[in-house]
Amino acid sequence: MLNQSFEMTLLPPAIARSSSLGAPVTVCAIFAFILAGPIYDLTPRHRIHPAYTLNVLLFIIAGPPARIAFASTPARHHSVQWMISRY
């Protein structure tokens, strides 16, 4: 589950920044990493672990609204300004 949380929070921005192939390829790459665990779980066991199901649903349904809501908060703006000033 920790690995899935890492993939869902840290991997999409890294892929989006490093990909110069365009948005559709970037989105497909992100979903390929996110769905790799459930597909691997489904292949030998013929069922998906509930943790994968919950994580994927939360990533797809709750991810974008939470990111949009957090992006406009003063705390985020302050943290970004702090990070920029460090470099």
PDB file of N, CA and C in Angstrom:
ATOM      1  N   MET A   1       0.825  -1.188   0.000  1.00  0.00           N
ATOM      2  CA  MET A   1       0.000   0.000   0.000  1.00  0.00           C
ATOM      3  C   MET A   1       0.873   1.256   0.000  1.00  0.00           C
ATOM      4  N   LEU A   2       2.004   1.186   0.676  1.00  0.00           N
ATOM      5  CA  LEU A   2       2.900   2.328   0.693  1.00  0.00           C
ATOM      6  C   LEU A   2       3.434   2.608  -0.706  1.00  0.00           C
ATOM      7  N   ASN A   3       3.748   1.559  -1.428  1.00  0.00           N
ATOM      8  CA  ASN A   3       4.223   1.725  -2.793  1.00  0.00           C
ATOM      9  C   ASN A   3       3.156   2.371  -3.663  1.00  0.00           C
ATOM     10  N   GLN A   4       1.919   1.942  -3.511  1.00  0.00           N
ATOM     11  CA  GLN A   4       0.820   2.514  -4.277  1.00  0.00           C
ATOM     12  C   GLN A   4       0.629   3.991  -3.930  1.00  0.00           C
ATOM     13  N   SER A   5       0.780   4.342  -2.661  1.00  0.00           N
ATOM     14  CA  SER A   5       0.665   5.744  -2.266  1.00  0.00           C
ATOM     15  C   SER A   5       1.773   6.575  -2.885  1.00  0.00           C
ATOM     16  N   PHE A   6       2.990   6.021  -2.935  1.00  0.00           N
ATOM     17  CA  PHE A   6       4.099   6.718  -3.583  1.00  0.00           C
ATOM     18  C   PHE A   6       3.809   6.946  -5.053  1.00  0.00           C
ATOM     19  N   GLU A   7       3.328   5.900  -5.719  1.00  0.00           N
ATOM     20  CA  GLU A   7       3.053   6.022  -7.148  1.00  0.00           C
ATOM     21  C   GLU A   7       1.994   7.070  -7.427  1.00  0.00           C
ATOM     22  N   MET A   8       1.011   7.168  -6.568  1.00  0.00           N
ATOM     23  CA  MET A   8      -0.100   8.071  -6.831  1.00  0.00           C
ATOM     24  C   MET A   8       0.200   9.518  -6.470  1.00  0.00           C
ATOM     25  N   THR A   9       1.172   9.742  -5.592  1.00  0.00           N
ATOM     26  CA  THR A   9       1.435  11.126  -5.199  1.00  0.00           C
ATOM     27  C   THR A   9       2.679  11.709  -5.838  1.00  0.00           C
ATOM     28  N   LEU A  10       3.729  10.932  -5.965  1.00  0.00           N
ATOM     29  CA  LEU A  10       4.992  11.474  -6.449  1.00  0.00           C
ATOM     30  C   LEU A  10       5.267  11.192  -7.919  1.00  0.00           C
ATOM     31  N   LEU A  11       4.755  10.114  -8.428  1.00  0.00           N
ATOM     32  CA  LEU A  11       5.079   9.728  -9.793  1.00  0.00           C
ATOM     33  C   LEU A  11       4.404  10.581 -10.867  1.00  0.00           C
ATOM     34  N   PRO A  12       3.119  10.929 -10.764  1.00  0.00           N
ATOM     35  CA  PRO A  12       2.503  11.734 -11.837  1.00  0.00           C
ATOM     36  C   PRO A  12       3.203  13.062 -12.124  1.00  0.00           C
ATOM     37  N   PRO A  13       3.567  13.868 -11.127  1.00  0.00           N
ATOM     38  CA  PRO A  13       4.267  15.099 -11.471  1.00  0.00           C
ATOM     39  C   PRO A  13       5.630  14.851 -12.118  1.00  0.00           C
ATOM     40  N   ALA A  14       6.323  13.809 -11.659  1.00  0.00           N
ATOM     41  CA  ALA A  14       7.634  13.510 -12.244  1.00  0.00           C
ATOM     42  C   ALA A  14       7.506  13.091 -13.703  1.00  0.00           C
ATOM     43  N   ILE A  15       6.533  12.256 -14.001  1.00  0.00           N
ATOM     44  CA  ILE A  15       6.327  11.828 -15.393  1.00  0.00           C
ATOM     45  C   ILE A  15       5.892  13.009 -16.249  1.00  0.00           C
ATOM     46  N   ALA A  16       5.009  13.833 -15.715  1.00  0.00           N
ATOM     47  CA  ALA A  16       4.513  14.976 -16.495  1.00  0.00           C
ATOM     48  C   ALA A  16       5.629  15.972 -16.802  1.00  0.00           C
ATOM     49  N   ARG A  17       6.541  16.172 -15.875  1.00  0.00           N
ATOM     50  CA  ARG A  17       7.626  17.130 -16.102  1.00  0.00           C
ATOM     51  C   ARG A  17       8.694  16.582 -17.031  1.00  0.00           C
ATOM     52  N   SER A  18       8.913  15.271 -16.987  1.00  0.00           N
ATOM     53  CA  SER A  18       9.992  14.708 -17.794  1.00  0.00           C
ATOM     54  C   SER A  18       9.542  14.265 -19.182  1.00  0.00           C
ATOM     55  N   SER A  19       8.245  14.198 -19.408  1.00  0.00           N
ATOM     56  CA  SER A  19       7.743  13.729 -20.690  1.00  0.00           C
ATOM     57  C   SER A  19       7.593  14.886 -21.661  1.00  0.00           C
ATOM     58  N   SER A  20       8.158  14.711 -22.835  1.00  0.00           N
ATOM     59  CA  SER A  20       7.994  15.714 -23.882  1.00  0.00           C
ATOM     60  C   SER A  20       7.125  15.174 -25.018  1.00  0.00           C
ATOM     61  N   LEU A  21       6.407  14.086 -24.743  1.00  0.00           N
ATOM     62  CA  LEU A  21       5.603  13.431 -25.774  1.00  0.00           C
ATOM     63  C   LEU A  21       4.164  13.935 -25.826  1.00  0.00           C
ATOM     64  N   GLY A  22       3.774  14.766 -24.895  1.00  0.00           N
ATOM     65  CA  GLY A  22       2.425  15.307 -24.921  1.00  0.00           C
ATOM     66  C   GLY A  22       1.552  14.741 -23.816  1.00  0.00           C
ATOM     67  N   ALA A  23       0.416  15.369 -23.643  1.00  0.00           N
ATOM     68  CA  ALA A  23      -0.487  15.010 -22.549  1.00  0.00           C
ATOM     69  C   ALA A  23      -1.068  13.596 -22.653  1.00  0.00           C
ATOM     70  N   PRO A  24      -1.518  13.130 -23.813  1.00  0.00           N
ATOM     71  CA  PRO A  24      -2.095  11.781 -23.852  1.00  0.00           C
ATOM     72  C   PRO A  24      -1.109  10.686 -23.466  1.00  0.00           C
ATOM     73  N   VAL A  25       0.129  10.807 -23.910  1.00  0.00           N
ATOM     74  CA  VAL A  25       1.139   9.799 -23.567  1.00  0.00           C
ATOM     75  C   VAL A  25       1.473   9.878 -22.086  1.00  0.00           C
ATOM     76  N   THR A  26       1.527  11.073 -21.544  1.00  0.00           N
ATOM     77  CA  THR A  26       1.812  11.249 -20.127  1.00  0.00           C
ATOM     78  C   THR A  26       0.718  10.629 -19.269  1.00  0.00           C
ATOM     79  N   VAL A  27      -0.532  10.878 -19.615  1.00  0.00           N
ATOM     80  CA  VAL A  27      -1.652  10.308 -18.859  1.00  0.00           C
ATOM     81  C   VAL A  27      -1.631   8.789 -18.943  1.00  0.00           C
ATOM     82  N   CYS A  28      -1.362   8.246 -20.118  1.00  0.00           N
ATOM     83  CA  CYS A  28      -1.287   6.780 -20.264  1.00  0.00           C
ATOM     84  C   CYS A  28      -0.154   6.205 -19.435  1.00  0.00           C
ATOM     85  N   ALA A  29       0.987   6.874 -19.387  1.00  0.00           N
ATOM     86  CA  ALA A  29       2.115   6.390 -18.585  1.00  0.00           C
ATOM     87  C   ALA A  29       1.783   6.407 -17.095  1.00  0.00           C
ATOM     88  N   ILE A  30       1.120   7.456 -16.651  1.00  0.00           N
ATOM     89  CA  ILE A  30       0.739   7.545 -15.237  1.00  0.00           C
ATOM     90  C   ILE A  30      -0.222   6.419 -14.881  1.00  0.00           C
ATOM     91  N   PHE A  31      -1.244   6.213 -15.704  1.00  0.00           N
ATOM     92  CA  PHE A  31      -2.199   5.151 -15.412  1.00  0.00           C
ATOM     93  C   PHE A  31      -1.586   3.768 -15.558  1.00  0.00           C
ATOM     94  N   ALA A  32      -0.579   3.614 -16.405  1.00  0.00           N
ATOM     95  CA  ALA A  32       0.100   2.322 -16.523  1.00  0.00           C
ATOM     96  C   ALA A  32       0.796   1.964 -15.212  1.00  0.00           C
ATOM     97  N   PHE A  33       1.467   2.943 -14.604  1.00  0.00           N
ATOM     98  CA  PHE A  33       2.113   2.680 -13.318  1.00  0.00           C
ATOM     99  C   PHE A  33       1.087   2.413 -12.221  1.00  0.00           C
ATOM    100  N   ILE A  34      -0.001   3.163 -12.226  1.00  0.00           N
ATOM    101  CA  ILE A  34      -0.996   3.014 -11.176  1.00  0.00           C
ATOM    102  C   ILE A  34      -1.746   1.690 -11.303  1.00  0.00           C
ATOM    103  N   LEU A  35      -2.016   1.271 -12.516  1.00  0.00           N
ATOM    104  CA  LEU A  35      -2.764   0.025 -12.721  1.00  0.00           C
ATOM    105  C   LEU A  35      -1.883  -1.214 -12.769  1.00  0.00           C
ATOM    106  N   ALA A  36      -0.569  -1.057 -12.715  1.00  0.00           N
ATOM    107  CA  ALA A  36       0.328  -2.219 -12.762  1.00  0.00           C
ATOM    108  C   ALA A  36       0.119  -3.134 -11.560  1.00  0.00           C
ATOM    109  N   GLY A  37      -0.052  -2.571 -10.388  1.00  0.00           N
ATOM    110  CA  GLY A  37      -0.261  -3.379  -9.186  1.00  0.00           C
ATOM    111  C   GLY A  37      -1.543  -4.196  -9.232  1.00  0.00           C
ATOM    112  N   PRO A  38      -2.689  -3.571  -9.504  1.00  0.00           N
ATOM    113  CA  PRO A  38      -3.922  -4.352  -9.593  1.00  0.00           C
ATOM    114  C   PRO A  38      -3.890  -5.411 -10.699  1.00  0.00           C
ATOM    115  N   ILE A  39      -3.272  -5.087 -11.830  1.00  0.00           N
ATOM    116  CA  ILE A  39      -3.202  -6.077 -12.912  1.00  0.00           C
ATOM    117  C   ILE A  39      -2.329  -7.256 -12.498  1.00  0.00           C
ATOM    118  N   TYR A  40      -1.198  -6.966 -11.839  1.00  0.00           N
ATOM    119  CA  TYR A  40      -0.345  -8.045 -11.353  1.00  0.00           C
ATOM    120  C   TYR A  40      -1.077  -8.877 -10.307  1.00  0.00           C
ATOM    121  N   ASP A  41      -1.837  -8.233  -9.445  1.00  0.00           N
ATOM    122  CA  ASP A  41      -2.603  -8.939  -8.422  1.00  0.00           C
ATOM    123  C   ASP A  41      -3.690  -9.806  -9.050  1.00  0.00           C
ATOM    124  N   LEU A  42      -4.291  -9.323 -10.111  1.00  0.00           N
ATOM    125  CA  LEU A  42      -5.380 -10.043 -10.770  1.00  0.00           C
ATOM    126  C   LEU A  42      -4.882 -11.266 -11.536  1.00  0.00           C
ATOM    127  N   THR A  43      -3.687 -11.192 -12.076  1.00  0.00           N
ATOM    128  CA  THR A  43      -3.187 -12.275 -12.927  1.00  0.00           C
ATOM    129  C   THR A  43      -3.003 -13.589 -12.170  1.00  0.00           C
ATOM    130  N   PRO A  44      -2.207 -13.675 -11.101  1.00  0.00           N
ATOM    131  CA  PRO A  44      -2.045 -14.987 -10.456  1.00  0.00           C
ATOM    132  C   PRO A  44      -3.169 -15.346  -9.485  1.00  0.00           C
ATOM    133  N   ARG A  45      -3.757 -14.352  -8.835  1.00  0.00           N
ATOM    134  CA  ARG A  45      -4.739 -14.630  -7.775  1.00  0.00           C
ATOM    135  C   ARG A  45      -6.191 -14.562  -8.234  1.00  0.00           C
ATOM    136  N   HIS A  46      -6.417 -14.021  -9.402  1.00  0.00           N
ATOM    137  CA  HIS A  46      -7.762 -13.873  -9.980  1.00  0.00           C
ATOM    138  C   HIS A  46      -8.673 -12.989  -9.138  1.00  0.00           C
ATOM    139  N   ARG A  47      -8.074 -12.099  -8.368  1.00  0.00           N
ATOM    140  CA  ARG A  47      -8.841 -11.086  -7.638  1.00  0.00           C
ATOM    141  C   ARG A  47      -7.908  -9.928  -7.320  1.00  0.00           C
ATOM    142  N   ILE A  48      -8.495  -8.769  -7.118  1.00  0.00           N
ATOM    143  CA  ILE A  48      -7.726  -7.568  -6.800  1.00  0.00           C
ATOM    144  C   ILE A  48      -7.870  -7.290  -5.314  1.00  0.00           C
ATOM    145  N   HIS A  49      -6.766  -6.978  -4.670  1.00  0.00           N
ATOM    146  CA  HIS A  49      -6.798  -6.672  -3.241  1.00  0.00           C
ATOM    147  C   HIS A  49      -7.605  -5.392  -3.023  1.00  0.00           C
ATOM    148  N   PRO A  50      -8.402  -5.334  -1.948  1.00  0.00           N
ATOM    149  CA  PRO A  50      -9.225  -4.144  -1.701  1.00  0.00           C
ATOM    150  C   PRO A  50      -8.418  -2.846  -1.564  1.00  0.00           C
ATOM    151  N   ALA A  51      -7.186  -2.933  -1.104  1.00  0.00           N
ATOM    152  CA  ALA A  51      -6.375  -1.719  -0.975  1.00  0.00           C
ATOM    153  C   ALA A  51      -6.113  -1.090  -2.337  1.00  0.00           C
ATOM    154  N   TYR A  52      -5.853  -1.902  -3.346  1.00  0.00           N
ATOM    155  CA  TYR A  52      -5.655  -1.366  -4.694  1.00  0.00           C
ATOM    156  C   TYR A  52      -6.934  -0.709  -5.200  1.00  0.00           C
ATOM    157  N   THR A  53      -8.051  -1.356  -4.992  1.00  0.00           N
ATOM    158  CA  THR A  53      -9.330  -0.819  -5.455  1.00  0.00           C
ATOM    159  C   THR A  53      -9.601   0.543  -4.813  1.00  0.00           C
ATOM    160  N   LEU A  54      -9.412   0.609  -3.512  1.00  0.00           N
ATOM    161  CA  LEU A  54      -9.659   1.865  -2.794  1.00  0.00           C
ATOM    162  C   LEU A  54      -8.700   2.960  -3.255  1.00  0.00           C
ATOM    163  N   ASN A  55      -7.425   2.619  -3.392  1.00  0.00           N
ATOM    164  CA  ASN A  55      -6.446   3.629  -3.811  1.00  0.00           C
ATOM    165  C   ASN A  55      -6.709   4.150  -5.213  1.00  0.00           C
ATOM    166  N   VAL A  56      -7.027   3.268  -6.128  1.00  0.00           N
ATOM    167  CA  VAL A  56      -7.275   3.705  -7.503  1.00  0.00           C
ATOM    168  C   VAL A  56      -8.533   4.580  -7.567  1.00  0.00           C
ATOM    169  N   LEU A  57      -9.585   4.174  -6.859  1.00  0.00           N
ATOM    170  CA  LEU A  57     -10.798   4.993  -6.854  1.00  0.00           C
ATOM    171  C   LEU A  57     -10.551   6.358  -6.227  1.00  0.00           C
ATOM    172  N   LEU A  58      -9.816   6.389  -5.118  1.00  0.00           N
ATOM    173  CA  LEU A  58      -9.521   7.678  -4.494  1.00  0.00           C
ATOM    174  C   LEU A  58      -8.647   8.542  -5.386  1.00  0.00           C
ATOM    175  N   PHE A  59      -7.707   7.936  -6.093  1.00  0.00           N
ATOM    176  CA  PHE A  59      -6.846   8.704  -6.989  1.00  0.00           C
ATOM    177  C   PHE A  59      -7.644   9.323  -8.126  1.00  0.00           C
ATOM    178  N   ILE A  60      -8.572   8.557  -8.694  1.00  0.00           N
ATOM    179  CA  ILE A  60      -9.330   9.034  -9.841  1.00  0.00           C
ATOM    180  C   ILE A  60     -10.427  10.016  -9.425  1.00  0.00           C
ATOM    181  N   ILE A  61     -11.134   9.715  -8.335  1.00  0.00           N
ATOM    182  CA  ILE A  61     -12.287  10.526  -7.936  1.00  0.00           C
ATOM    183  C   ILE A  61     -11.889  11.715  -7.066  1.00  0.00           C
ATOM    184  N   ALA A  62     -11.072  11.468  -6.038  1.00  0.00           N
ATOM    185  CA  ALA A  62     -10.775  12.527  -5.075  1.00  0.00           C
ATOM    186  C   ALA A  62      -9.501  13.286  -5.394  1.00  0.00           C
ATOM    187  N   GLY A  63      -8.646  12.735  -6.237  1.00  0.00           N
ATOM    188  CA  GLY A  63      -7.360  13.367  -6.516  1.00  0.00           C
ATOM    189  C   GLY A  63      -7.442  14.745  -7.122  1.00  0.00           C
ATOM    190  N   PRO A  64      -8.081  14.897  -8.284  1.00  0.00           N
ATOM    191  CA  PRO A  64      -8.123  16.228  -8.906  1.00  0.00           C
ATOM    192  C   PRO A  64      -8.812  17.303  -8.071  1.00  0.00           C
ATOM    193  N   PRO A  65      -9.982  17.048  -7.453  1.00  0.00           N
ATOM    194  CA  PRO A  65     -10.576  18.106  -6.632  1.00  0.00           C
ATOM    195  C   PRO A  65      -9.705  18.486  -5.437  1.00  0.00           C
ATOM    196  N   ALA A  66      -9.041  17.509  -4.840  1.00  0.00           N
ATOM    197  CA  ALA A  66      -8.181  17.818  -3.692  1.00  0.00           C
ATOM    198  C   ALA A  66      -6.979  18.642  -4.129  1.00  0.00           C
ATOM    199  N   ARG A  67      -6.409  18.325  -5.281  1.00  0.00           N
ATOM    200  CA  ARG A  67      -5.263  19.099  -5.780  1.00  0.00           C
ATOM    201  C   ARG A  67      -5.672  20.527  -6.119  1.00  0.00           C
ATOM    202  N   ILE A  68      -6.835  20.672  -6.725  1.00  0.00           N
ATOM    203  CA  ILE A  68      -7.311  22.018  -7.080  1.00  0.00           C
ATOM    204  C   ILE A  68      -7.594  22.830  -5.826  1.00  0.00           C
ATOM    205  N   ALA A  69      -8.211  22.202  -4.827  1.00  0.00           N
ATOM    206  CA  ALA A  69      -8.512  22.911  -3.583  1.00  0.00           C
ATOM    207  C   ALA A  69      -7.234  23.300  -2.852  1.00  0.00           C
ATOM    208  N   PHE A  70      -6.247  22.414  -2.837  1.00  0.00           N
ATOM    209  CA  PHE A  70      -4.996  22.708  -2.140  1.00  0.00           C
ATOM    210  C   PHE A  70      -4.156  23.744  -2.881  1.00  0.00           C
ATOM    211  N   ALA A  71      -4.286  23.797  -4.194  1.00  0.00           N
ATOM    212  CA  ALA A  71      -3.457  24.705  -4.991  1.00  0.00           C
ATOM    213  C   ALA A  71      -3.736  26.169  -4.690  1.00  0.00           C
ATOM    214  N   SER A  72      -4.927  26.480  -4.229  1.00  0.00           N
ATOM    215  CA  SER A  72      -5.270  27.887  -4.010  1.00  0.00           C
ATOM    216  C   SER A  72      -5.163  28.311  -2.549  1.00  0.00           C
ATOM    217  N   THR A  73      -4.613  27.478  -1.690  1.00  0.00           N
ATOM    218  CA  THR A  73      -4.512  27.844  -0.287  1.00  0.00           C
ATOM    219  C   THR A  73      -3.275  28.689  -0.028  1.00  0.00           C
ATOM    220  N   PRO A  74      -3.349  29.568   0.957  1.00  0.00           N
ATOM    221  CA  PRO A  74      -2.166  30.365   1.318  1.00  0.00           C
ATOM    222  C   PRO A  74      -0.996  29.496   1.801  1.00  0.00           C
ATOM    223  N   ALA A  75      -1.301  28.367   2.434  1.00  0.00           N
ATOM    224  CA  ALA A  75      -0.229  27.490   2.913  1.00  0.00           C
ATOM    225  C   ALA A  75       0.596  26.958   1.746  1.00  0.00           C
ATOM    226  N   ARG A  76      -0.051  26.608   0.662  1.00  0.00           N
ATOM    227  CA  ARG A  76       0.686  26.110  -0.495  1.00  0.00           C
ATOM    228  C   ARG A  76       1.521  27.225  -1.121  1.00  0.00           C
ATOM    229  N   HIS A  77       0.934  28.398  -1.239  1.00  0.00           N
ATOM    230  CA  HIS A  77       1.670  29.515  -1.812  1.00  0.00           C
ATOM    231  C   HIS A  77       2.892  29.858  -0.946  1.00  0.00           C
ATOM    232  N   HIS A  78       2.715  29.813   0.348  1.00  0.00           N
ATOM    233  CA  HIS A  78       3.827  30.087   1.251  1.00  0.00           C
ATOM    234  C   HIS A  78       4.908  29.014   1.115  1.00  0.00           C
ATOM    235  N   SER A  79       4.512  27.750   1.035  1.00  0.00           N
ATOM    236  CA  SER A  79       5.504  26.677   0.920  1.00  0.00           C
ATOM    237  C   SER A  79       6.247  26.750  -0.418  1.00  0.00           C
ATOM    238  N   VAL A  80       5.549  27.110  -1.483  1.00  0.00           N
ATOM    239  CA  VAL A  80       6.214  27.246  -2.784  1.00  0.00           C
ATOM    240  C   VAL A  80       7.181  28.426  -2.758  1.00  0.00           C
ATOM    241  N   GLN A  81       6.784  29.531  -2.188  1.00  0.00           N
ATOM    242  CA  GLN A  81       7.681  30.684  -2.081  1.00  0.00           C
ATOM    243  C   GLN A  81       8.916  30.328  -1.256  1.00  0.00           C
ATOM    244  N   TRP A  82       8.716  29.563  -0.171  1.00  0.00           N
ATOM    245  CA  TRP A  82       9.841  29.140   0.647  1.00  0.00           C
ATOM    246  C   TRP A  82      10.796  28.243  -0.144  1.00  0.00           C
ATOM    247  N   MET A  83      10.236  27.312  -0.921  1.00  0.00           N
ATOM    248  CA  MET A  83      11.079  26.414  -1.707  1.00  0.00           C
ATOM    249  C   MET A  83      11.844  27.176  -2.793  1.00  0.00           C
ATOM    250  N   ILE A  84      11.189  28.127  -3.421  1.00  0.00           N
ATOM    251  CA  ILE A  84      11.846  28.916  -4.463  1.00  0.00           C
ATOM    252  C   ILE A  84      12.967  29.769  -3.857  1.00  0.00           C
ATOM    253  N   SER A  85      12.730  30.324  -2.706  1.00  0.00           N
ATOM    254  CA  SER A  85      13.742  31.183  -2.094  1.00  0.00           C
ATOM    255  C   SER A  85      14.964  30.399  -1.628  1.00  0.00           C
ATOM    256  N   ARG A  86      14.825  29.097  -1.422  1.00  0.00           N
ATOM    257  CA  ARG A  86      15.956  28.266  -0.986  1.00  0.00           C
ATOM    258  C   ARG A  86      16.940  28.031  -2.120  1.00  0.00           C
ATOM    259  N   TYR A  87      16.505  28.153  -3.342  1.00  0.00           N
ATOM    260  CA  TYR A  87      17.384  27.876  -4.491  1.00  0.00           C
ATOM    261  C   TYR A  87      17.525  29.111  -5.284  1.00  0.00           C
TER     262      TYR A  87
END
